[in-house]
Amino acid sequence: MEQDARLVPRINVAWRARVLIEGDGFLEGRVLNVSVQGACLRLDHAFPIGTRLTIALAVPNPDDRTKTQGVVLQAKVAFLVASECVFKVGVTFLESGGPNLKLIERWVQNRF
C-alpha cells in the first residue's frame, strides 16, 4: 500500500464551497477532502497555480450535522488536475491557527 506523503491528516468530506470573486460574485464547488493546512476543491473553473483565493466553506457542526457554519479562508492554489470540464483544485490555507480553522481542526481530530 502506498503511503501518503502529507505531514498532516486529511479527511474526505462532501462540503459545499464557494470561491469568492471580486464584487458580489462567486463560483460554487465542493470540498473533496480537507486538513488543517489545506483542501481539495471540485470546481468548474481552473485557477493557475499560485493564485490567491478567498474561499467560503460550509462546515457541518460536528455535534449537530444538520447545521453548518460558514468558514472564510484565504488560500493559495497548490495544484490543478483537469478532467473534462471539471477541475480538482488543491489549495493551501494561508492562515494557521485562529478561529477560522478551529472547526476544521475539530473535524480532522475526530476522524482519526
N, C-alpha and C. Protein backbone atom coordinates (compact mmCIF):
# COMPACT_ATOMS: atom_id res chain seq x y z
N MET A 1 0.85 -1.18 0.00
CA MET A 1 0.00 0.00 0.00
C MET A 1 0.89 1.24 0.00
N GLU A 2 0.56 2.19 -0.85
CA GLU A 2 1.36 3.41 -0.96
C GLU A 2 1.08 4.34 0.22
N GLN A 3 2.10 4.91 0.77
CA GLN A 3 2.00 5.81 1.91
C GLN A 3 1.73 7.23 1.43
N ASP A 4 0.82 7.94 2.06
CA ASP A 4 0.53 9.33 1.73
C ASP A 4 1.67 10.20 2.25
N ALA A 5 2.18 11.08 1.39
CA ALA A 5 3.33 11.91 1.75
C ALA A 5 2.96 13.13 2.59
N ARG A 6 1.69 13.35 2.80
CA ARG A 6 1.29 14.53 3.58
C ARG A 6 1.71 14.38 5.03
N LEU A 7 2.04 15.52 5.63
CA LEU A 7 2.50 15.52 7.01
C LEU A 7 1.36 15.64 8.02
N VAL A 8 0.19 16.07 7.55
CA VAL A 8 -0.95 16.22 8.45
C VAL A 8 -2.12 15.38 7.94
N PRO A 9 -2.97 14.89 8.83
CA PRO A 9 -4.11 14.07 8.41
C PRO A 9 -5.07 14.86 7.51
N ARG A 10 -5.62 14.18 6.53
CA ARG A 10 -6.59 14.76 5.60
C ARG A 10 -7.79 13.81 5.58
N ILE A 11 -9.00 14.37 5.64
CA ILE A 11 -10.19 13.53 5.63
C ILE A 11 -11.04 13.84 4.40
N ASN A 12 -11.73 12.82 3.92
CA ASN A 12 -12.66 13.00 2.81
C ASN A 12 -13.97 13.57 3.34
N VAL A 13 -14.47 14.58 2.65
CA VAL A 13 -15.72 15.23 3.04
C VAL A 13 -16.53 15.53 1.77
N ALA A 14 -17.73 16.02 1.94
CA ALA A 14 -18.58 16.44 0.82
C ALA A 14 -19.27 17.75 1.23
N TRP A 15 -18.47 18.77 1.46
CA TRP A 15 -19.00 20.06 1.90
C TRP A 15 -19.16 21.00 0.72
N ARG A 16 -20.11 21.92 0.85
CA ARG A 16 -20.25 22.98 -0.16
C ARG A 16 -19.11 23.98 0.00
N ALA A 17 -18.72 24.55 -1.13
CA ALA A 17 -17.66 25.56 -1.11
C ALA A 17 -17.99 26.64 -2.13
N ARG A 18 -17.49 27.82 -1.87
CA ARG A 18 -17.59 28.92 -2.81
C ARG A 18 -16.23 29.60 -2.90
N VAL A 19 -15.85 29.93 -4.13
CA VAL A 19 -14.68 30.77 -4.34
C VAL A 19 -15.24 32.15 -4.60
N LEU A 20 -14.88 33.10 -3.73
CA LEU A 20 -15.42 34.45 -3.84
C LEU A 20 -14.65 35.23 -4.89
N ILE A 21 -15.38 35.91 -5.75
CA ILE A 21 -14.81 36.70 -6.83
C ILE A 21 -15.04 38.17 -6.50
N GLU A 22 -14.18 39.05 -7.00
CA GLU A 22 -14.33 40.48 -6.73
C GLU A 22 -15.78 40.92 -6.92
N GLY A 23 -16.19 41.85 -6.11
CA GLY A 23 -17.58 42.30 -6.14
C GLY A 23 -18.44 41.31 -5.38
N ASP A 24 -19.58 40.99 -5.94
CA ASP A 24 -20.51 40.08 -5.27
C ASP A 24 -20.53 38.69 -5.88
N GLY A 25 -19.62 38.39 -6.79
CA GLY A 25 -19.65 37.11 -7.48
C GLY A 25 -18.99 35.98 -6.72
N PHE A 26 -19.34 34.77 -7.12
CA PHE A 26 -18.71 33.58 -6.54
C PHE A 26 -18.90 32.41 -7.49
N LEU A 27 -18.07 31.40 -7.32
CA LEU A 27 -18.17 30.14 -8.04
C LEU A 27 -18.53 29.05 -7.03
N GLU A 28 -19.52 28.24 -7.36
CA GLU A 28 -19.91 27.13 -6.50
C GLU A 28 -18.98 25.94 -6.72
N GLY A 29 -18.75 25.19 -5.67
CA GLY A 29 -17.94 23.98 -5.76
C GLY A 29 -18.19 23.06 -4.60
N ARG A 30 -17.36 22.05 -4.48
CA ARG A 30 -17.44 21.09 -3.37
C ARG A 30 -16.05 20.89 -2.80
N VAL A 31 -16.00 20.63 -1.51
CA VAL A 31 -14.75 20.24 -0.86
C VAL A 31 -14.71 18.72 -0.91
N LEU A 32 -13.65 18.17 -1.49
CA LEU A 32 -13.50 16.72 -1.58
C LEU A 32 -12.75 16.15 -0.39
N ASN A 33 -11.72 16.89 0.07
CA ASN A 33 -11.01 16.49 1.29
C ASN A 33 -10.40 17.73 1.91
N VAL A 34 -10.08 17.60 3.20
CA VAL A 34 -9.63 18.77 3.96
C VAL A 34 -8.67 18.36 5.06
N SER A 35 -7.76 19.27 5.38
CA SER A 35 -6.89 19.14 6.54
C SER A 35 -6.81 20.53 7.17
N VAL A 36 -6.05 20.67 8.24
CA VAL A 36 -5.90 21.99 8.84
C VAL A 36 -4.97 22.88 8.02
N GLN A 37 -4.31 22.30 7.02
CA GLN A 37 -3.40 23.09 6.18
C GLN A 37 -3.92 23.37 4.79
N GLY A 38 -4.97 22.65 4.36
CA GLY A 38 -5.46 22.88 3.01
C GLY A 38 -6.62 21.99 2.67
N ALA A 39 -7.04 22.07 1.39
CA ALA A 39 -8.19 21.31 0.93
C ALA A 39 -8.07 21.04 -0.56
N CYS A 40 -8.89 20.10 -1.01
CA CYS A 40 -9.03 19.85 -2.44
C CYS A 40 -10.47 20.20 -2.80
N LEU A 41 -10.63 21.11 -3.75
CA LEU A 41 -11.94 21.57 -4.18
C LEU A 41 -12.27 21.02 -5.56
N ARG A 42 -13.52 20.71 -5.79
CA ARG A 42 -14.01 20.34 -7.12
C ARG A 42 -14.73 21.56 -7.66
N LEU A 43 -14.21 22.11 -8.77
CA LEU A 43 -14.75 23.34 -9.35
C LEU A 43 -14.95 23.17 -10.85
N ASP A 44 -15.79 24.00 -11.42
CA ASP A 44 -15.99 24.03 -12.87
C ASP A 44 -15.10 25.08 -13.53
N HIS A 45 -14.14 25.58 -12.80
CA HIS A 45 -13.25 26.65 -13.28
C HIS A 45 -11.83 26.35 -12.80
N ALA A 46 -10.86 26.59 -13.67
CA ALA A 46 -9.46 26.38 -13.30
C ALA A 46 -8.83 27.68 -12.83
N PHE A 47 -7.89 27.57 -11.91
CA PHE A 47 -7.10 28.71 -11.45
C PHE A 47 -5.63 28.33 -11.57
N PRO A 48 -4.80 29.25 -12.05
CA PRO A 48 -3.37 28.94 -12.16
C PRO A 48 -2.74 28.67 -10.78
N ILE A 49 -1.74 27.80 -10.77
CA ILE A 49 -1.00 27.53 -9.53
C ILE A 49 -0.41 28.84 -9.03
N GLY A 50 -0.53 29.06 -7.73
CA GLY A 50 -0.04 30.28 -7.10
C GLY A 50 -1.09 31.36 -6.92
N THR A 51 -2.26 31.19 -7.54
CA THR A 51 -3.34 32.18 -7.41
C THR A 51 -3.85 32.22 -5.97
N ARG A 52 -4.01 33.42 -5.45
CA ARG A 52 -4.62 33.59 -4.12
C ARG A 52 -6.13 33.63 -4.27
N LEU A 53 -6.82 32.88 -3.41
CA LEU A 53 -8.27 32.80 -3.45
C LEU A 53 -8.85 33.09 -2.08
N THR A 54 -10.05 33.61 -2.07
CA THR A 54 -10.85 33.67 -0.85
C THR A 54 -11.92 32.60 -1.01
N ILE A 55 -11.93 31.64 -0.09
CA ILE A 55 -12.89 30.55 -0.18
C ILE A 55 -13.79 30.55 1.06
N ALA A 56 -15.04 30.17 0.83
CA ALA A 56 -16.01 30.03 1.91
C ALA A 56 -16.45 28.58 1.94
N LEU A 57 -16.31 27.93 3.08
CA LEU A 57 -16.67 26.53 3.23
C LEU A 57 -17.87 26.41 4.16
N ALA A 58 -18.82 25.55 3.81
CA ALA A 58 -19.96 25.27 4.68
C ALA A 58 -19.59 24.04 5.50
N VAL A 59 -19.08 24.27 6.69
CA VAL A 59 -18.57 23.19 7.54
C VAL A 59 -19.67 22.75 8.51
N PRO A 60 -20.07 21.47 8.46
CA PRO A 60 -21.09 20.99 9.39
C PRO A 60 -20.61 21.05 10.83
N ASN A 61 -21.53 21.30 11.73
CA ASN A 61 -21.23 21.26 13.15
C ASN A 61 -21.04 19.79 13.54
N PRO A 62 -19.89 19.42 14.11
CA PRO A 62 -19.65 18.02 14.46
C PRO A 62 -20.67 17.46 15.45
N ASP A 63 -21.29 18.32 16.26
CA ASP A 63 -22.26 17.86 17.25
C ASP A 63 -23.68 17.77 16.68
N ASP A 64 -23.98 18.54 15.64
CA ASP A 64 -25.29 18.54 15.00
C ASP A 64 -25.08 18.78 13.52
N ARG A 65 -24.95 17.71 12.76
CA ARG A 65 -24.59 17.81 11.35
C ARG A 65 -25.68 18.42 10.47
N THR A 66 -26.85 18.70 11.04
CA THR A 66 -27.88 19.39 10.27
C THR A 66 -27.60 20.88 10.18
N LYS A 67 -26.66 21.36 10.98
CA LYS A 67 -26.30 22.78 10.99
C LYS A 67 -24.91 22.95 10.40
N THR A 68 -24.73 24.03 9.64
CA THR A 68 -23.41 24.33 9.09
C THR A 68 -22.97 25.72 9.53
N GLN A 69 -21.67 25.91 9.49
CA GLN A 69 -21.08 27.20 9.82
C GLN A 69 -20.21 27.62 8.65
N GLY A 70 -20.35 28.85 8.23
CA GLY A 70 -19.51 29.37 7.15
C GLY A 70 -18.13 29.70 7.67
N VAL A 71 -17.12 29.16 7.00
CA VAL A 71 -15.73 29.43 7.35
C VAL A 71 -15.08 30.06 6.12
N VAL A 72 -14.60 31.29 6.26
CA VAL A 72 -13.98 32.01 5.16
C VAL A 72 -12.47 32.04 5.39
N LEU A 73 -11.72 31.58 4.38
CA LEU A 73 -10.27 31.48 4.49
C LEU A 73 -9.58 32.02 3.25
N GLN A 74 -8.38 32.53 3.45
CA GLN A 74 -7.51 32.89 2.34
C GLN A 74 -6.70 31.65 2.00
N ALA A 75 -6.54 31.38 0.71
CA ALA A 75 -5.83 30.19 0.29
C ALA A 75 -5.03 30.48 -0.98
N LYS A 76 -4.11 29.57 -1.27
CA LYS A 76 -3.26 29.69 -2.46
C LYS A 76 -3.35 28.38 -3.22
N VAL A 77 -3.53 28.45 -4.53
CA VAL A 77 -3.64 27.24 -5.35
C VAL A 77 -2.28 26.52 -5.38
N ALA A 78 -2.29 25.25 -4.98
CA ALA A 78 -1.07 24.45 -4.93
C ALA A 78 -0.98 23.47 -6.10
N PHE A 79 -2.14 22.97 -6.57
CA PHE A 79 -2.13 22.07 -7.72
C PHE A 79 -3.46 22.14 -8.44
N LEU A 80 -3.46 21.65 -9.67
CA LEU A 80 -4.66 21.65 -10.50
C LEU A 80 -4.66 20.37 -11.32
N VAL A 81 -5.78 19.63 -11.28
CA VAL A 81 -5.96 18.43 -12.08
C VAL A 81 -7.23 18.61 -12.88
N ALA A 82 -7.12 18.52 -14.21
CA ALA A 82 -8.27 18.69 -15.09
C ALA A 82 -8.80 17.33 -15.53
N SER A 83 -10.13 17.20 -15.54
CA SER A 83 -10.78 16.00 -16.05
C SER A 83 -12.04 16.47 -16.76
N GLU A 84 -11.96 16.51 -18.09
CA GLU A 84 -13.01 17.07 -18.93
C GLU A 84 -13.25 18.51 -18.51
N CYS A 85 -14.46 18.86 -18.10
CA CYS A 85 -14.76 20.26 -17.72
C CYS A 85 -14.79 20.46 -16.22
N VAL A 86 -14.23 19.51 -15.47
CA VAL A 86 -14.21 19.59 -14.01
C VAL A 86 -12.75 19.66 -13.57
N PHE A 87 -12.50 20.43 -12.52
CA PHE A 87 -11.14 20.62 -12.04
C PHE A 87 -11.06 20.29 -10.56
N LYS A 88 -9.99 19.58 -10.19
CA LYS A 88 -9.65 19.41 -8.78
C LYS A 88 -8.59 20.46 -8.51
N VAL A 89 -8.91 21.36 -7.59
CA VAL A 89 -8.02 22.47 -7.26
C VAL A 89 -7.56 22.28 -5.83
N GLY A 90 -6.28 21.99 -5.66
CA GLY A 90 -5.71 21.85 -4.33
C GLY A 90 -5.26 23.19 -3.82
N VAL A 91 -5.66 23.53 -2.61
CA VAL A 91 -5.29 24.82 -2.03
C VAL A 91 -4.61 24.62 -0.69
N THR A 92 -3.70 25.53 -0.40
CA THR A 92 -3.04 25.61 0.90
C THR A 92 -3.60 26.82 1.61
N PHE A 93 -4.06 26.63 2.85
CA PHE A 93 -4.58 27.75 3.62
C PHE A 93 -3.43 28.68 3.98
N LEU A 94 -3.68 29.98 3.88
CA LEU A 94 -2.64 30.97 4.20
C LEU A 94 -2.72 31.42 5.65
N GLU A 95 -3.64 30.86 6.39
CA GLU A 95 -3.78 31.16 7.82
C GLU A 95 -3.35 29.92 8.60
N SER A 96 -2.87 30.13 9.79
CA SER A 96 -2.59 28.99 10.66
C SER A 96 -3.18 29.31 12.03
N GLY A 97 -3.82 28.31 12.61
CA GLY A 97 -4.48 28.53 13.89
C GLY A 97 -5.64 29.49 13.73
N GLY A 98 -6.04 30.12 14.79
CA GLY A 98 -7.11 31.10 14.72
C GLY A 98 -8.49 30.46 14.65
N PRO A 99 -9.51 31.27 14.85
CA PRO A 99 -10.88 30.76 14.94
C PRO A 99 -11.39 30.15 13.64
N ASN A 100 -10.92 30.63 12.49
CA ASN A 100 -11.42 30.10 11.22
C ASN A 100 -11.07 28.63 11.00
N LEU A 101 -9.98 28.19 11.59
CA LEU A 101 -9.57 26.80 11.40
C LEU A 101 -9.97 25.87 12.53
N LYS A 102 -10.50 26.40 13.62
CA LYS A 102 -10.83 25.57 14.78
C LYS A 102 -11.86 24.49 14.45
N LEU A 103 -12.89 24.85 13.68
CA LEU A 103 -13.93 23.89 13.34
C LEU A 103 -13.38 22.79 12.43
N ILE A 104 -12.55 23.17 11.46
CA ILE A 104 -11.92 22.18 10.58
C ILE A 104 -11.00 21.27 11.38
N GLU A 105 -10.23 21.85 12.28
CA GLU A 105 -9.34 21.07 13.14
C GLU A 105 -10.12 20.05 13.95
N ARG A 106 -11.26 20.46 14.44
CA ARG A 106 -12.11 19.54 15.23
C ARG A 106 -12.59 18.36 14.39
N TRP A 107 -12.99 18.63 13.15
CA TRP A 107 -13.40 17.56 12.25
C TRP A 107 -12.27 16.58 12.01
N VAL A 108 -11.10 17.10 11.71
CA VAL A 108 -9.95 16.24 11.40
C VAL A 108 -9.56 15.40 12.61
N GLN A 109 -9.54 16.00 13.79
CA GLN A 109 -9.16 15.28 15.01
C GLN A 109 -10.16 14.18 15.35
N ASN A 110 -11.44 14.43 15.10
CA ASN A 110 -12.47 13.45 15.44
C ASN A 110 -12.49 12.27 14.48
N ARG A 111 -11.86 12.39 13.33
CA ARG A 111 -11.86 11.32 12.34
C ARG A 111 -10.67 10.39 12.50
N PHE A 112 -9.69 10.75 13.33
CA PHE A 112 -8.50 9.91 13.49
C PHE A 112 -8.33 9.48 14.91
